[in-house]
N, C-alpha and C. Protein backbone atom coordinates (compact mmCIF):
# COMPACT_ATOMS: atom_id res chain seq x y z
N MET A 1 -11.13 10.74 -3.61
CA MET A 1 -11.09 9.44 -2.96
C MET A 1 -12.53 9.04 -2.66
N THR A 2 -12.86 7.81 -2.98
CA THR A 2 -14.21 7.34 -2.71
C THR A 2 -14.37 6.99 -1.24
N GLN A 3 -15.60 6.92 -0.80
CA GLN A 3 -15.88 6.55 0.58
C GLN A 3 -15.36 5.14 0.86
N GLU A 4 -15.48 4.25 -0.12
CA GLU A 4 -15.02 2.88 0.05
C GLU A 4 -13.50 2.84 0.29
N ILE A 5 -12.75 3.58 -0.52
CA ILE A 5 -11.30 3.62 -0.33
C ILE A 5 -10.96 4.25 1.02
N LYS A 6 -11.65 5.31 1.38
CA LYS A 6 -11.41 5.97 2.67
C LYS A 6 -11.58 4.99 3.83
N GLU A 7 -12.63 4.18 3.78
CA GLU A 7 -12.87 3.20 4.84
C GLU A 7 -11.77 2.15 4.89
N VAL A 8 -11.33 1.67 3.73
CA VAL A 8 -10.25 0.68 3.67
C VAL A 8 -8.97 1.25 4.27
N LEU A 9 -8.65 2.50 3.94
CA LEU A 9 -7.44 3.14 4.46
C LEU A 9 -7.50 3.30 5.96
N GLU A 10 -8.65 3.70 6.47
CA GLU A 10 -8.80 3.87 7.92
C GLU A 10 -8.74 2.53 8.64
N GLU A 11 -9.40 1.52 8.11
CA GLU A 11 -9.42 0.19 8.74
C GLU A 11 -8.02 -0.42 8.82
N ASN A 12 -7.17 -0.10 7.85
CA ASN A 12 -5.86 -0.72 7.77
C ASN A 12 -4.72 0.19 8.22
N ASP A 13 -5.07 1.34 8.81
CA ASP A 13 -4.07 2.28 9.33
C ASP A 13 -2.98 2.56 8.30
N CYS A 14 -3.40 2.91 7.09
CA CYS A 14 -2.47 3.15 5.99
C CYS A 14 -1.73 4.47 6.15
N VAL A 15 -0.52 4.51 5.61
CA VAL A 15 0.26 5.73 5.55
C VAL A 15 -0.25 6.55 4.37
N ILE A 16 -0.58 7.81 4.64
CA ILE A 16 -1.15 8.70 3.63
C ILE A 16 -0.16 9.83 3.36
N ALA A 17 0.01 10.19 2.08
CA ALA A 17 0.83 11.34 1.70
C ALA A 17 -0.04 12.59 1.84
N ASP A 18 0.34 13.49 2.73
CA ASP A 18 -0.46 14.69 2.99
C ASP A 18 -0.67 15.52 1.72
N GLY A 19 -1.91 15.95 1.54
CA GLY A 19 -2.24 16.85 0.46
C GLY A 19 -2.55 16.21 -0.88
N PHE A 20 -2.54 14.88 -0.93
CA PHE A 20 -2.75 14.21 -2.21
C PHE A 20 -3.96 13.27 -2.22
N ASN A 21 -4.95 13.56 -1.40
CA ASN A 21 -6.13 12.68 -1.35
C ASN A 21 -6.82 12.53 -2.70
N ASP A 22 -6.82 13.61 -3.51
CA ASP A 22 -7.46 13.53 -4.82
C ASP A 22 -6.67 12.69 -5.82
N ALA A 23 -5.44 12.35 -5.48
CA ALA A 23 -4.60 11.55 -6.37
C ALA A 23 -4.62 10.06 -6.02
N ILE A 24 -5.35 9.68 -4.97
CA ILE A 24 -5.45 8.26 -4.61
C ILE A 24 -6.31 7.56 -5.64
N ILE A 25 -5.76 6.49 -6.21
CA ILE A 25 -6.50 5.74 -7.23
C ILE A 25 -6.86 4.34 -6.77
N GLY A 26 -6.40 3.96 -5.60
CA GLY A 26 -6.76 2.64 -5.08
C GLY A 26 -5.80 2.17 -4.02
N THR A 27 -5.84 0.87 -3.80
CA THR A 27 -4.96 0.23 -2.83
C THR A 27 -4.39 -1.04 -3.45
N CYS A 28 -3.36 -1.57 -2.81
CA CYS A 28 -2.81 -2.86 -3.21
C CYS A 28 -2.32 -3.57 -1.96
N GLN A 29 -1.86 -4.77 -2.12
CA GLN A 29 -1.33 -5.56 -1.00
C GLN A 29 0.17 -5.75 -1.19
N ARG A 30 0.93 -5.53 -0.12
CA ARG A 30 2.36 -5.81 -0.12
C ARG A 30 2.67 -6.52 1.18
N ASP A 31 3.13 -7.76 1.10
CA ASP A 31 3.47 -8.53 2.29
C ASP A 31 2.35 -8.54 3.32
N GLY A 32 1.11 -8.66 2.85
CA GLY A 32 -0.04 -8.74 3.74
C GLY A 32 -0.54 -7.40 4.26
N GLU A 33 0.09 -6.31 3.86
CA GLU A 33 -0.31 -4.97 4.28
C GLU A 33 -1.05 -4.26 3.15
N VAL A 34 -2.08 -3.50 3.49
CA VAL A 34 -2.79 -2.69 2.50
C VAL A 34 -2.00 -1.40 2.31
N ILE A 35 -1.70 -1.07 1.06
CA ILE A 35 -0.88 0.08 0.72
C ILE A 35 -1.69 1.02 -0.18
N VAL A 36 -1.56 2.32 0.05
CA VAL A 36 -2.23 3.33 -0.78
C VAL A 36 -1.48 3.46 -2.10
N VAL A 37 -2.25 3.64 -3.18
CA VAL A 37 -1.66 3.82 -4.51
C VAL A 37 -2.09 5.19 -5.04
N TYR A 38 -1.09 5.97 -5.48
CA TYR A 38 -1.31 7.31 -6.00
C TYR A 38 -0.95 7.38 -7.48
N ASP A 39 -1.63 8.27 -8.20
CA ASP A 39 -1.32 8.58 -9.59
C ASP A 39 -0.36 9.78 -9.57
N ILE A 40 0.85 9.60 -10.11
CA ILE A 40 1.86 10.64 -10.09
C ILE A 40 1.36 11.91 -10.78
N SER A 41 0.72 11.76 -11.92
CA SER A 41 0.23 12.94 -12.66
C SER A 41 -0.76 13.75 -11.83
N LYS A 42 -1.61 13.06 -11.12
CA LYS A 42 -2.59 13.75 -10.28
C LYS A 42 -1.91 14.45 -9.11
N CYS A 43 -0.85 13.85 -8.58
CA CYS A 43 -0.09 14.50 -7.50
C CYS A 43 0.56 15.78 -8.00
N ILE A 44 1.17 15.71 -9.18
CA ILE A 44 1.81 16.89 -9.75
C ILE A 44 0.77 17.97 -10.02
N ASP A 45 -0.36 17.58 -10.60
CA ASP A 45 -1.43 18.55 -10.86
C ASP A 45 -1.89 19.22 -9.57
N SER A 46 -1.94 18.47 -8.50
CA SER A 46 -2.35 19.02 -7.21
C SER A 46 -1.36 20.08 -6.73
N LEU A 47 -0.07 19.81 -6.88
CA LEU A 47 0.94 20.78 -6.47
C LEU A 47 0.88 22.04 -7.32
N VAL A 48 0.63 21.87 -8.60
CA VAL A 48 0.51 23.03 -9.49
C VAL A 48 -0.70 23.86 -9.11
N LYS A 49 -1.83 23.19 -8.93
CA LYS A 49 -3.09 23.88 -8.64
C LYS A 49 -3.12 24.46 -7.23
N ASP A 50 -2.81 23.64 -6.23
CA ASP A 50 -2.98 24.05 -4.84
C ASP A 50 -1.81 24.86 -4.27
N ASP A 51 -0.61 24.61 -4.77
CA ASP A 51 0.57 25.28 -4.22
C ASP A 51 1.17 26.30 -5.17
N GLY A 52 0.61 26.44 -6.36
CA GLY A 52 1.08 27.45 -7.31
C GLY A 52 2.44 27.17 -7.91
N MET A 53 2.85 25.91 -7.93
CA MET A 53 4.16 25.57 -8.50
C MET A 53 4.05 25.45 -10.02
N GLU A 54 5.18 25.66 -10.68
CA GLU A 54 5.27 25.36 -12.11
C GLU A 54 5.36 23.84 -12.24
N TYR A 55 5.01 23.31 -13.42
CA TYR A 55 4.96 21.85 -13.58
C TYR A 55 6.29 21.20 -13.22
N GLN A 56 7.40 21.68 -13.78
CA GLN A 56 8.70 21.05 -13.52
C GLN A 56 9.08 21.14 -12.05
N GLU A 57 8.80 22.27 -11.43
CA GLU A 57 9.08 22.44 -10.00
C GLU A 57 8.28 21.44 -9.18
N ALA A 58 7.01 21.27 -9.53
CA ALA A 58 6.13 20.34 -8.82
C ALA A 58 6.62 18.90 -8.98
N GLU A 59 7.05 18.56 -10.18
CA GLU A 59 7.55 17.21 -10.44
C GLU A 59 8.80 16.93 -9.62
N GLU A 60 9.75 17.86 -9.62
CA GLU A 60 10.98 17.69 -8.84
C GLU A 60 10.68 17.61 -7.35
N PHE A 61 9.79 18.48 -6.87
CA PHE A 61 9.41 18.48 -5.47
C PHE A 61 8.80 17.13 -5.08
N LEU A 62 7.89 16.64 -5.90
CA LEU A 62 7.20 15.38 -5.60
C LEU A 62 8.19 14.23 -5.51
N TYR A 63 9.08 14.11 -6.48
CA TYR A 63 10.03 13.00 -6.48
C TYR A 63 11.00 13.10 -5.29
N PHE A 64 11.51 14.29 -5.03
CA PHE A 64 12.50 14.44 -3.98
C PHE A 64 11.90 14.31 -2.59
N ASN A 65 10.72 14.89 -2.37
CA ASN A 65 10.14 14.96 -1.03
C ASN A 65 9.11 13.90 -0.71
N THR A 66 8.63 13.18 -1.70
CA THR A 66 7.54 12.25 -1.44
C THR A 66 7.82 10.86 -2.01
N ILE A 67 7.97 10.77 -3.31
CA ILE A 67 8.09 9.47 -3.97
C ILE A 67 9.34 8.72 -3.52
N ASN A 68 10.44 9.41 -3.39
CA ASN A 68 11.70 8.74 -3.03
C ASN A 68 11.91 8.60 -1.53
N CYS A 69 10.90 8.89 -0.74
CA CYS A 69 11.02 8.75 0.72
C CYS A 69 10.44 7.41 1.17
N TYR A 70 11.20 6.70 1.96
CA TYR A 70 10.72 5.43 2.53
C TYR A 70 10.28 5.70 3.95
N VAL A 71 9.02 5.35 4.25
CA VAL A 71 8.49 5.59 5.60
C VAL A 71 8.04 4.28 6.25
N GLY A 72 8.67 3.19 5.88
CA GLY A 72 8.34 1.91 6.48
C GLY A 72 7.60 0.99 5.54
N GLU A 73 7.16 -0.13 6.10
CA GLU A 73 6.51 -1.18 5.31
C GLU A 73 5.26 -0.71 4.58
N ARG A 74 4.63 0.30 5.10
CA ARG A 74 3.39 0.79 4.49
C ARG A 74 3.61 2.03 3.62
N THR A 75 4.84 2.23 3.15
CA THR A 75 5.14 3.36 2.27
C THR A 75 4.22 3.30 1.05
N PRO A 76 3.54 4.40 0.74
CA PRO A 76 2.64 4.41 -0.42
C PRO A 76 3.37 4.12 -1.73
N ILE A 77 2.59 3.71 -2.70
CA ILE A 77 3.09 3.43 -4.05
C ILE A 77 2.60 4.54 -4.97
N PHE A 78 3.50 5.02 -5.82
CA PHE A 78 3.17 6.06 -6.79
C PHE A 78 3.39 5.48 -8.17
N ILE A 79 2.36 5.54 -9.02
CA ILE A 79 2.48 4.97 -10.35
C ILE A 79 2.29 6.05 -11.42
N ASP A 80 2.95 5.83 -12.53
CA ASP A 80 2.80 6.70 -13.70
C ASP A 80 1.85 6.00 -14.65
N THR A 81 0.69 6.59 -14.85
CA THR A 81 -0.33 5.98 -15.72
C THR A 81 -0.10 6.30 -17.18
N HIS A 82 0.89 7.13 -17.47
CA HIS A 82 1.26 7.51 -18.85
C HIS A 82 0.09 8.08 -19.62
N LYS A 83 -0.75 8.85 -18.93
CA LYS A 83 -1.86 9.52 -19.59
C LYS A 83 -1.38 10.87 -20.08
N GLU A 84 -1.92 11.28 -21.20
CA GLU A 84 -1.61 12.61 -21.77
C GLU A 84 -2.43 13.65 -21.07
């Protein structure tokens, strides 16, 4: 995460997904609120690297415990960049 993104997130009291700072690729606006945007592939890679999960296990964990959870108006956005 760049210093610029970090400042924007702090200024706007954004909801952050714990453990995925390296997967933040930017921000967007939803209904006047600044929302954090994550790269799904980077989140999965983080779980594999940092938590020792297998790829499929990390993918299932991420979708069940993070992506599909609604935590209010500032719920982060997770995108698939379709990178190989």
